[in-house]
C-alpha cells in the first residue's frame, strides 16, 4: 500500500532467510533503486514501511527481492501522486562557473530533487540528490540531465 505522501507499507509471510527488500521507483523511463529494508527472515507475518521521496506528477514504485540464487521477485507496481510536490526546472541552461540550481517551475524557490548527468557518450558524470550541482570540474561540452521526472540538456562552457 502507498499513501499520497509516499509512505510505502507491505506485509509478508513465510520468509526464508534475512534477505533485503529493495525499493525501486520508476523515473526517467527506468527502475531506479531508492532504498532498502532488511527482511526479518522468519515464517510469521511481518510488516514493513519505507518513506519515499516523491517527484512531481505520477510516481510508480515496486519492491524487489533477490533470492539466494540471485533471481529477482517483484511486487506489483503501485502509483501515487503527492499534490504538494511542485514541478521542478533548472537554471542556467548554459553553465560556466555557477552551479546548476533546481527550482520550482516558474519561481526562483530552491527545490531538492534526484538527478543524473550524462555526457554525450551516455557515461554518467554526476548523480545525487540536492538543490544544486557543482559543474566546475566538468569539461566544456553538451550534457544530458535527468531530474524530477524529466530529462533535458545543458551546455557547459
N, C-alpha and C. Protein backbone atom coordinates (compact mmCIF):
# COMPACT_ATOMS: atom_id res chain seq x y z
N UNK A 1 0.86 -1.17 0.00
CA UNK A 1 0.00 0.00 0.00
C UNK A 1 0.90 1.23 0.00
N UNK A 2 0.36 2.35 -0.48
CA UNK A 2 1.15 3.58 -0.51
C UNK A 2 0.24 4.78 -0.27
N UNK A 3 0.72 5.71 0.57
CA UNK A 3 -0.06 6.91 0.85
C UNK A 3 0.27 7.99 -0.17
N UNK A 4 -0.52 9.06 -0.20
CA UNK A 4 -0.27 10.16 -1.12
C UNK A 4 1.01 10.91 -0.80
N UNK A 5 1.53 10.75 0.41
CA UNK A 5 2.78 11.41 0.78
C UNK A 5 3.99 10.50 0.55
N UNK A 6 3.77 9.30 0.02
CA UNK A 6 4.88 8.42 -0.33
C UNK A 6 5.30 7.43 0.74
N UNK A 7 4.44 7.17 1.73
CA UNK A 7 4.78 6.15 2.73
C UNK A 7 4.34 4.79 2.19
N UNK A 8 5.31 3.95 1.89
CA UNK A 8 5.08 2.62 1.33
C UNK A 8 5.05 1.61 2.47
N UNK A 9 4.00 0.77 2.49
CA UNK A 9 3.90 -0.28 3.50
C UNK A 9 3.58 -1.60 2.81
N UNK A 10 4.12 -2.71 3.36
CA UNK A 10 3.79 -4.02 2.82
C UNK A 10 3.96 -5.07 3.91
N UNK A 11 3.31 -6.21 3.70
CA UNK A 11 3.36 -7.32 4.64
C UNK A 11 3.85 -8.57 3.93
N UNK A 12 4.51 -9.44 4.68
CA UNK A 12 5.00 -10.71 4.14
C UNK A 12 4.70 -11.84 5.12
N UNK A 13 4.72 -13.05 4.60
CA UNK A 13 4.62 -14.28 5.40
C UNK A 13 5.56 -15.30 4.80
N UNK A 14 6.01 -16.23 5.62
CA UNK A 14 6.84 -17.36 5.17
C UNK A 14 8.15 -16.93 4.50
N UNK A 15 8.83 -15.97 5.11
CA UNK A 15 10.14 -15.57 4.59
C UNK A 15 11.14 -16.69 4.85
N UNK A 16 12.03 -16.91 3.91
CA UNK A 16 13.05 -17.95 4.03
C UNK A 16 14.43 -17.32 4.03
N UNK A 17 14.79 -16.66 5.09
CA UNK A 17 16.11 -16.03 5.18
C UNK A 17 16.00 -14.52 5.27
N UNK A 18 17.00 -13.92 5.88
CA UNK A 18 17.03 -12.48 6.08
C UNK A 18 17.57 -11.79 4.84
N UNK A 19 16.71 -11.65 3.84
CA UNK A 19 17.09 -11.02 2.58
C UNK A 19 16.55 -9.58 2.54
N UNK A 20 17.33 -8.64 2.00
CA UNK A 20 16.85 -7.26 1.94
C UNK A 20 15.76 -7.07 0.87
N UNK A 21 14.87 -6.14 1.14
CA UNK A 21 13.87 -5.69 0.16
C UNK A 21 14.41 -4.40 -0.46
N UNK A 22 14.44 -4.34 -1.77
CA UNK A 22 14.94 -3.18 -2.48
C UNK A 22 13.74 -2.41 -3.02
N UNK A 23 13.64 -1.14 -2.67
CA UNK A 23 12.53 -0.31 -3.13
C UNK A 23 13.01 0.39 -4.41
N UNK A 24 12.22 0.27 -5.48
CA UNK A 24 12.55 0.87 -6.77
C UNK A 24 11.46 1.85 -7.18
N UNK A 25 11.88 2.96 -7.77
CA UNK A 25 10.96 3.97 -8.27
C UNK A 25 11.20 4.11 -9.78
N UNK A 26 10.10 4.19 -10.55
CA UNK A 26 10.21 4.32 -12.00
C UNK A 26 10.38 5.80 -12.34
N UNK A 27 11.62 6.14 -12.72
CA UNK A 27 11.96 7.53 -13.04
C UNK A 27 12.81 7.51 -14.31
N UNK A 28 12.58 8.45 -15.19
CA UNK A 28 13.39 8.62 -16.41
C UNK A 28 13.37 7.35 -17.27
N UNK A 29 12.19 6.71 -17.34
CA UNK A 29 11.96 5.52 -18.16
C UNK A 29 12.77 4.30 -17.71
N UNK A 30 13.10 4.23 -16.43
CA UNK A 30 13.80 3.05 -15.90
C UNK A 30 13.53 2.93 -14.41
N UNK A 31 13.70 1.71 -13.89
CA UNK A 31 13.54 1.46 -12.46
C UNK A 31 14.84 1.81 -11.75
N UNK A 32 14.76 2.70 -10.76
CA UNK A 32 15.91 3.18 -10.00
C UNK A 32 15.79 2.70 -8.55
N UNK A 33 16.82 2.03 -7.99
CA UNK A 33 16.76 1.69 -6.57
C UNK A 33 16.84 2.96 -5.73
N UNK A 34 15.89 3.14 -4.80
CA UNK A 34 15.85 4.34 -3.97
C UNK A 34 15.97 4.04 -2.48
N UNK A 35 16.00 2.76 -2.12
CA UNK A 35 16.14 2.42 -0.71
C UNK A 35 16.13 0.93 -0.49
N UNK A 36 16.38 0.55 0.75
CA UNK A 36 16.46 -0.86 1.10
C UNK A 36 15.96 -1.05 2.54
N UNK A 37 15.24 -2.15 2.76
CA UNK A 37 14.75 -2.51 4.10
C UNK A 37 15.13 -3.97 4.32
N UNK A 38 15.75 -4.25 5.46
CA UNK A 38 16.15 -5.63 5.75
C UNK A 38 14.95 -6.48 6.12
N UNK A 39 14.87 -7.68 5.55
CA UNK A 39 13.80 -8.63 5.86
C UNK A 39 14.07 -9.32 7.19
N UNK A 40 12.99 -9.77 7.84
CA UNK A 40 13.11 -10.46 9.12
C UNK A 40 13.57 -11.91 8.93
N UNK A 41 13.08 -12.56 7.87
CA UNK A 41 13.56 -13.90 7.54
C UNK A 41 12.88 -15.05 8.25
N UNK A 42 11.76 -14.83 8.91
CA UNK A 42 11.08 -15.92 9.62
C UNK A 42 9.67 -16.11 9.05
N UNK A 43 9.02 -17.25 9.35
CA UNK A 43 7.74 -17.59 8.71
C UNK A 43 6.52 -16.75 9.11
N UNK A 44 6.52 -16.16 10.30
CA UNK A 44 5.34 -15.40 10.72
C UNK A 44 5.17 -14.12 9.88
N UNK A 45 4.00 -13.48 10.02
CA UNK A 45 3.72 -12.26 9.24
C UNK A 45 4.56 -11.10 9.76
N UNK A 46 5.11 -10.31 8.81
CA UNK A 46 5.91 -9.13 9.14
C UNK A 46 5.37 -7.93 8.36
N UNK A 47 5.45 -6.76 8.98
CA UNK A 47 5.06 -5.51 8.33
C UNK A 47 6.30 -4.65 8.12
N UNK A 48 6.36 -4.03 6.96
CA UNK A 48 7.49 -3.17 6.61
C UNK A 48 6.98 -1.83 6.11
N UNK A 49 7.84 -0.81 6.22
CA UNK A 49 7.49 0.51 5.67
C UNK A 49 8.75 1.22 5.20
N UNK A 50 8.54 2.12 4.26
CA UNK A 50 9.63 2.92 3.71
C UNK A 50 9.07 4.25 3.25
N UNK A 51 9.73 5.35 3.62
CA UNK A 51 9.29 6.68 3.20
C UNK A 51 10.00 7.06 1.90
N UNK A 52 9.23 7.21 0.83
CA UNK A 52 9.77 7.60 -0.46
C UNK A 52 9.92 9.11 -0.54
N UNK A 53 10.72 9.56 -1.50
CA UNK A 53 10.81 10.98 -1.83
C UNK A 53 10.11 11.15 -3.17
N UNK A 54 8.85 11.60 -3.18
CA UNK A 54 8.11 11.70 -4.42
C UNK A 54 8.63 12.80 -5.33
N UNK A 55 8.47 12.60 -6.64
CA UNK A 55 8.72 13.66 -7.61
C UNK A 55 7.37 14.21 -8.05
N UNK A 56 7.38 15.26 -8.86
CA UNK A 56 6.11 15.84 -9.31
C UNK A 56 5.41 14.86 -10.25
N UNK A 57 4.10 14.97 -10.33
CA UNK A 57 3.32 14.09 -11.21
C UNK A 57 3.13 12.71 -10.62
N UNK A 58 2.84 11.75 -11.50
CA UNK A 58 2.58 10.38 -11.05
C UNK A 58 3.88 9.65 -10.72
N UNK A 59 3.91 9.01 -9.56
CA UNK A 59 5.03 8.21 -9.11
C UNK A 59 4.65 6.74 -9.18
N UNK A 60 5.59 5.91 -9.61
CA UNK A 60 5.36 4.47 -9.65
C UNK A 60 6.49 3.79 -8.88
N UNK A 61 6.12 2.87 -7.96
CA UNK A 61 7.11 2.16 -7.14
C UNK A 61 6.81 0.68 -7.08
N UNK A 62 7.85 -0.09 -6.75
CA UNK A 62 7.69 -1.52 -6.53
C UNK A 62 8.75 -1.96 -5.53
N UNK A 63 8.55 -3.15 -4.98
CA UNK A 63 9.51 -3.75 -4.06
C UNK A 63 10.09 -4.97 -4.75
N UNK A 64 11.41 -5.09 -4.67
CA UNK A 64 12.13 -6.20 -5.31
C UNK A 64 12.92 -6.93 -4.24
N UNK A 65 13.00 -8.24 -4.39
CA UNK A 65 13.86 -9.02 -3.51
C UNK A 65 14.58 -10.06 -4.35
N UNK A 66 15.90 -10.19 -4.13
CA UNK A 66 16.69 -11.20 -4.82
C UNK A 66 16.80 -12.41 -3.91
N UNK A 67 16.48 -13.61 -4.43
CA UNK A 67 16.61 -14.81 -3.60
C UNK A 67 18.07 -15.26 -3.60
N UNK A 68 18.33 -16.39 -2.94
CA UNK A 68 19.72 -16.86 -2.80
C UNK A 68 20.34 -17.27 -4.14
N UNK A 69 19.54 -17.50 -5.16
CA UNK A 69 20.07 -17.83 -6.48
C UNK A 69 20.19 -16.56 -7.34
N UNK A 70 19.96 -15.40 -6.73
CA UNK A 70 20.01 -14.09 -7.40
C UNK A 70 18.85 -13.85 -8.36
N UNK A 71 17.77 -14.64 -8.21
CA UNK A 71 16.58 -14.45 -9.02
C UNK A 71 15.72 -13.35 -8.39
N UNK A 72 15.37 -12.32 -9.18
CA UNK A 72 14.56 -11.24 -8.61
C UNK A 72 13.08 -11.61 -8.53
N UNK A 73 12.42 -11.15 -7.50
CA UNK A 73 10.97 -11.26 -7.34
C UNK A 73 10.46 -9.85 -7.08
N UNK A 74 9.37 -9.50 -7.79
CA UNK A 74 8.86 -8.13 -7.73
C UNK A 74 7.43 -8.10 -7.20
N UNK A 75 7.11 -7.03 -6.48
CA UNK A 75 5.72 -6.77 -6.12
C UNK A 75 5.04 -6.15 -7.35
N UNK A 76 3.73 -6.04 -7.30
CA UNK A 76 3.02 -5.30 -8.33
C UNK A 76 3.35 -3.82 -8.15
N UNK A 77 3.60 -3.09 -9.24
CA UNK A 77 3.86 -1.65 -9.09
C UNK A 77 2.63 -0.92 -8.55
N UNK A 78 2.88 0.08 -7.74
CA UNK A 78 1.83 0.95 -7.20
C UNK A 78 2.11 2.37 -7.64
N UNK A 79 1.05 3.13 -7.89
CA UNK A 79 1.22 4.52 -8.29
C UNK A 79 0.58 5.44 -7.25
N UNK A 80 1.13 6.64 -7.16
CA UNK A 80 0.57 7.66 -6.28
C UNK A 80 1.04 9.03 -6.78
N UNK A 81 0.35 10.07 -6.34
CA UNK A 81 0.74 11.45 -6.63
C UNK A 81 0.68 12.23 -5.34
N UNK A 82 1.68 13.06 -5.12
CA UNK A 82 1.70 13.95 -3.97
C UNK A 82 1.48 15.36 -4.49
N UNK A 83 0.26 15.91 -4.32
CA UNK A 83 -0.04 17.22 -4.87
C UNK A 83 0.81 18.36 -4.29
N UNK A 84 1.46 18.13 -3.16
CA UNK A 84 2.30 19.18 -2.57
C UNK A 84 3.66 19.30 -3.26
N UNK A 85 4.03 18.30 -4.06
CA UNK A 85 5.31 18.34 -4.77
C UNK A 85 5.11 19.07 -6.09
N UNK A 86 5.79 20.18 -6.24
CA UNK A 86 5.65 21.03 -7.43
C UNK A 86 6.63 20.60 -8.52
N UNK A 87 6.30 20.96 -9.75
CA UNK A 87 7.16 20.67 -10.90
C UNK A 87 8.49 21.41 -10.73
N UNK A 88 9.58 20.77 -11.17
CA UNK A 88 10.92 21.31 -10.99
C UNK A 88 11.51 21.68 -12.36
N UNK A 89 12.32 22.74 -12.36
CA UNK A 89 13.09 23.14 -13.54
C UNK A 89 14.51 23.42 -13.05
N UNK A 90 15.42 23.74 -13.97
CA UNK A 90 16.77 24.09 -13.56
C UNK A 90 17.27 25.32 -14.31
N UNK A 91 18.19 26.05 -13.69
CA UNK A 91 18.82 27.22 -14.28
C UNK A 91 20.30 27.20 -13.89
N UNK A 92 21.17 27.72 -14.70
CA UNK A 92 21.00 28.16 -16.08
C UNK A 92 21.11 26.99 -17.05
N UNK A 93 20.77 27.22 -18.30
CA UNK A 93 20.87 26.19 -19.34
C UNK A 93 22.28 26.18 -19.96
N UNK A 94 23.00 27.27 -19.78
CA UNK A 94 24.41 27.36 -20.18
C UNK A 94 25.21 27.67 -18.92
N UNK A 95 26.08 26.74 -18.54
CA UNK A 95 26.80 26.81 -17.27
C UNK A 95 28.25 27.18 -17.52
N UNK A 96 28.75 28.11 -16.73
CA UNK A 96 30.17 28.45 -16.81
C UNK A 96 30.80 28.11 -15.46
N UNK A 97 30.67 29.01 -14.50
CA UNK A 97 31.27 28.77 -13.18
C UNK A 97 30.22 28.63 -12.08
N UNK A 98 28.99 29.06 -12.35
CA UNK A 98 27.94 28.95 -11.34
C UNK A 98 27.35 27.53 -11.36
N UNK A 99 26.83 27.06 -10.24
CA UNK A 99 26.23 25.72 -10.24
C UNK A 99 24.86 25.71 -10.92
N UNK A 100 24.43 24.52 -11.32
CA UNK A 100 23.05 24.34 -11.77
C UNK A 100 22.19 24.38 -10.51
N UNK A 101 21.09 25.13 -10.58
CA UNK A 101 20.17 25.21 -9.44
C UNK A 101 18.82 24.64 -9.86
N UNK A 102 18.27 23.79 -9.01
CA UNK A 102 16.93 23.25 -9.23
C UNK A 102 15.94 24.15 -8.52
N UNK A 103 14.91 24.57 -9.26
CA UNK A 103 13.92 25.49 -8.72
C UNK A 103 12.51 25.01 -9.04
N UNK A 104 11.56 25.44 -8.21
CA UNK A 104 10.15 25.18 -8.50
C UNK A 104 9.81 25.92 -9.79
N UNK A 105 9.20 25.23 -10.75
CA UNK A 105 8.90 25.83 -12.06
C UNK A 105 8.17 27.15 -11.91
N UNK A 106 8.64 28.16 -12.65
CA UNK A 106 8.01 29.46 -12.63
C UNK A 106 8.41 30.35 -11.47
N UNK A 107 9.29 29.86 -10.60
CA UNK A 107 9.74 30.64 -9.45
C UNK A 107 11.27 30.54 -9.35
N UNK A 108 11.81 31.14 -8.32
CA UNK A 108 13.23 31.01 -8.02
C UNK A 108 13.44 30.22 -6.73
N UNK A 109 12.37 29.57 -6.25
CA UNK A 109 12.43 28.82 -4.99
C UNK A 109 13.24 27.53 -5.19
N UNK A 110 14.30 27.36 -4.40
CA UNK A 110 15.15 26.18 -4.49
C UNK A 110 14.37 24.92 -4.09
N UNK A 111 14.59 23.83 -4.84
CA UNK A 111 13.91 22.56 -4.59
C UNK A 111 14.94 21.43 -4.70
N UNK A 112 14.90 20.51 -3.74
CA UNK A 112 15.78 19.34 -3.82
C UNK A 112 15.13 18.29 -4.70
N UNK A 113 15.95 17.65 -5.55
CA UNK A 113 15.47 16.61 -6.44
C UNK A 113 16.58 15.61 -6.71
N UNK A 114 16.21 14.42 -7.11
CA UNK A 114 17.17 13.41 -7.54
C UNK A 114 17.61 13.79 -8.95
N UNK A 115 18.90 13.62 -9.27
CA UNK A 115 19.39 13.97 -10.60
C UNK A 115 20.49 13.01 -11.06
N UNK A 116 20.67 12.96 -12.39
CA UNK A 116 21.75 12.24 -13.05
C UNK A 116 22.20 13.10 -14.22
N UNK A 117 23.52 13.20 -14.43
CA UNK A 117 24.07 13.93 -15.57
C UNK A 117 24.92 12.97 -16.38
N UNK A 118 24.68 12.96 -17.70
CA UNK A 118 25.40 12.09 -18.63
C UNK A 118 26.13 12.91 -19.66
N UNK A 119 27.28 12.39 -20.13
CA UNK A 119 27.96 13.04 -21.25
C UNK A 119 27.34 12.57 -22.56
N UNK A 120 27.87 13.05 -23.68
CA UNK A 120 27.28 12.72 -24.99
C UNK A 120 27.47 11.26 -25.38
N UNK A 121 28.33 10.53 -24.65
CA UNK A 121 28.53 9.10 -24.91
C UNK A 121 27.66 8.22 -24.02
N UNK A 122 26.86 8.83 -23.16
CA UNK A 122 25.99 8.07 -22.27
C UNK A 122 26.65 7.67 -20.96
N UNK A 123 27.85 8.19 -20.68
CA UNK A 123 28.54 7.89 -19.42
C UNK A 123 28.01 8.80 -18.32
N UNK A 124 27.73 8.21 -17.17
CA UNK A 124 27.24 9.03 -16.06
C UNK A 124 28.40 9.85 -15.50
N UNK A 125 28.17 11.15 -15.35
CA UNK A 125 29.19 12.08 -14.89
C UNK A 125 28.96 12.44 -13.42
N UNK A 126 27.71 12.67 -13.06
CA UNK A 126 27.34 13.01 -11.68
C UNK A 126 25.94 12.49 -11.42
N UNK A 127 25.70 12.14 -10.16
CA UNK A 127 24.33 11.83 -9.75
C UNK A 127 24.22 12.10 -8.26
N UNK A 128 22.98 12.36 -7.82
CA UNK A 128 22.79 12.64 -6.42
C UNK A 128 21.40 13.17 -6.14
N UNK A 129 21.27 13.83 -4.98
CA UNK A 129 20.02 14.42 -4.55
C UNK A 129 20.37 15.76 -3.91
N UNK A 130 19.77 16.84 -4.40
CA UNK A 130 20.05 18.14 -3.84
C UNK A 130 19.34 19.24 -4.60
N UNK A 131 19.63 20.50 -4.19
CA UNK A 131 19.01 21.63 -4.87
C UNK A 131 19.97 22.33 -5.84
N UNK A 132 21.23 21.83 -5.93
CA UNK A 132 22.15 22.36 -6.92
C UNK A 132 23.25 21.35 -7.22
N UNK A 133 23.93 21.57 -8.36
CA UNK A 133 25.01 20.69 -8.80
C UNK A 133 26.20 21.55 -9.19
N UNK A 134 27.35 21.27 -8.61
CA UNK A 134 28.59 21.96 -8.96
C UNK A 134 29.13 21.34 -10.25
N UNK A 135 29.20 22.11 -11.30
CA UNK A 135 29.69 21.63 -12.60
C UNK A 135 31.07 22.17 -12.92
N UNK A 136 31.74 22.81 -11.95
CA UNK A 136 33.01 23.49 -12.23
C UNK A 136 34.10 22.54 -12.72
N UNK A 137 34.10 21.29 -12.30
CA UNK A 137 35.13 20.34 -12.73
C UNK A 137 34.82 19.63 -14.03
N UNK A 138 33.68 19.93 -14.64
CA UNK A 138 33.28 19.25 -15.88
C UNK A 138 33.88 19.96 -17.09
N UNK A 139 34.21 19.17 -18.13
CA UNK A 139 34.77 19.72 -19.36
C UNK A 139 33.69 20.46 -20.15
N UNK A 140 34.07 21.48 -20.91
CA UNK A 140 33.10 22.15 -21.78
C UNK A 140 32.53 21.17 -22.80
N UNK A 141 31.20 21.05 -22.83
CA UNK A 141 30.52 20.12 -23.74
C UNK A 141 29.02 20.22 -23.51
N UNK A 142 28.27 19.46 -24.31
CA UNK A 142 26.83 19.31 -24.11
C UNK A 142 26.61 18.12 -23.18
N UNK A 143 25.67 18.26 -22.24
CA UNK A 143 25.37 17.20 -21.28
C UNK A 143 23.86 16.97 -21.24
N UNK A 144 23.49 15.76 -20.84
CA UNK A 144 22.09 15.39 -20.64
C UNK A 144 21.85 15.30 -19.14
N UNK A 145 20.70 15.81 -18.71
CA UNK A 145 20.40 15.81 -17.28
C UNK A 145 19.01 15.23 -17.05
N UNK A 146 18.93 14.27 -16.15
CA UNK A 146 17.66 13.73 -15.66
C UNK A 146 17.44 14.32 -14.28
N UNK A 147 16.23 14.83 -14.02
CA UNK A 147 15.89 15.40 -12.71
C UNK A 147 14.38 15.34 -12.56
N UNK A 148 13.91 15.44 -11.32
CA UNK A 148 12.48 15.33 -11.03
C UNK A 148 11.95 14.13 -11.81
N UNK A 149 10.99 14.31 -12.70
CA UNK A 149 10.54 13.20 -13.57
C UNK A 149 10.79 13.57 -15.03
N UNK A 150 11.82 14.40 -15.28
CA UNK A 150 12.10 14.93 -16.61
C UNK A 150 13.51 14.61 -17.06
N UNK A 151 13.75 14.86 -18.35
CA UNK A 151 15.10 14.85 -18.87
C UNK A 151 15.28 16.07 -19.76
N UNK A 152 16.51 16.58 -19.80
CA UNK A 152 16.79 17.80 -20.56
C UNK A 152 18.26 17.82 -20.93
N UNK A 153 18.73 18.97 -21.40
CA UNK A 153 20.12 19.15 -21.77
C UNK A 153 20.62 20.49 -21.26
N UNK A 154 21.95 20.60 -21.13
CA UNK A 154 22.57 21.90 -20.84
C UNK A 154 23.96 21.90 -21.46
N UNK A 155 24.52 23.10 -21.57
CA UNK A 155 25.85 23.28 -22.14
C UNK A 155 26.79 23.75 -21.03
N UNK A 156 27.93 23.08 -20.91
CA UNK A 156 28.99 23.54 -20.00
C UNK A 156 29.97 24.30 -20.87
N UNK A 157 30.17 25.59 -20.58
CA UNK A 157 31.06 26.43 -21.38
C UNK A 157 32.46 26.47 -20.79
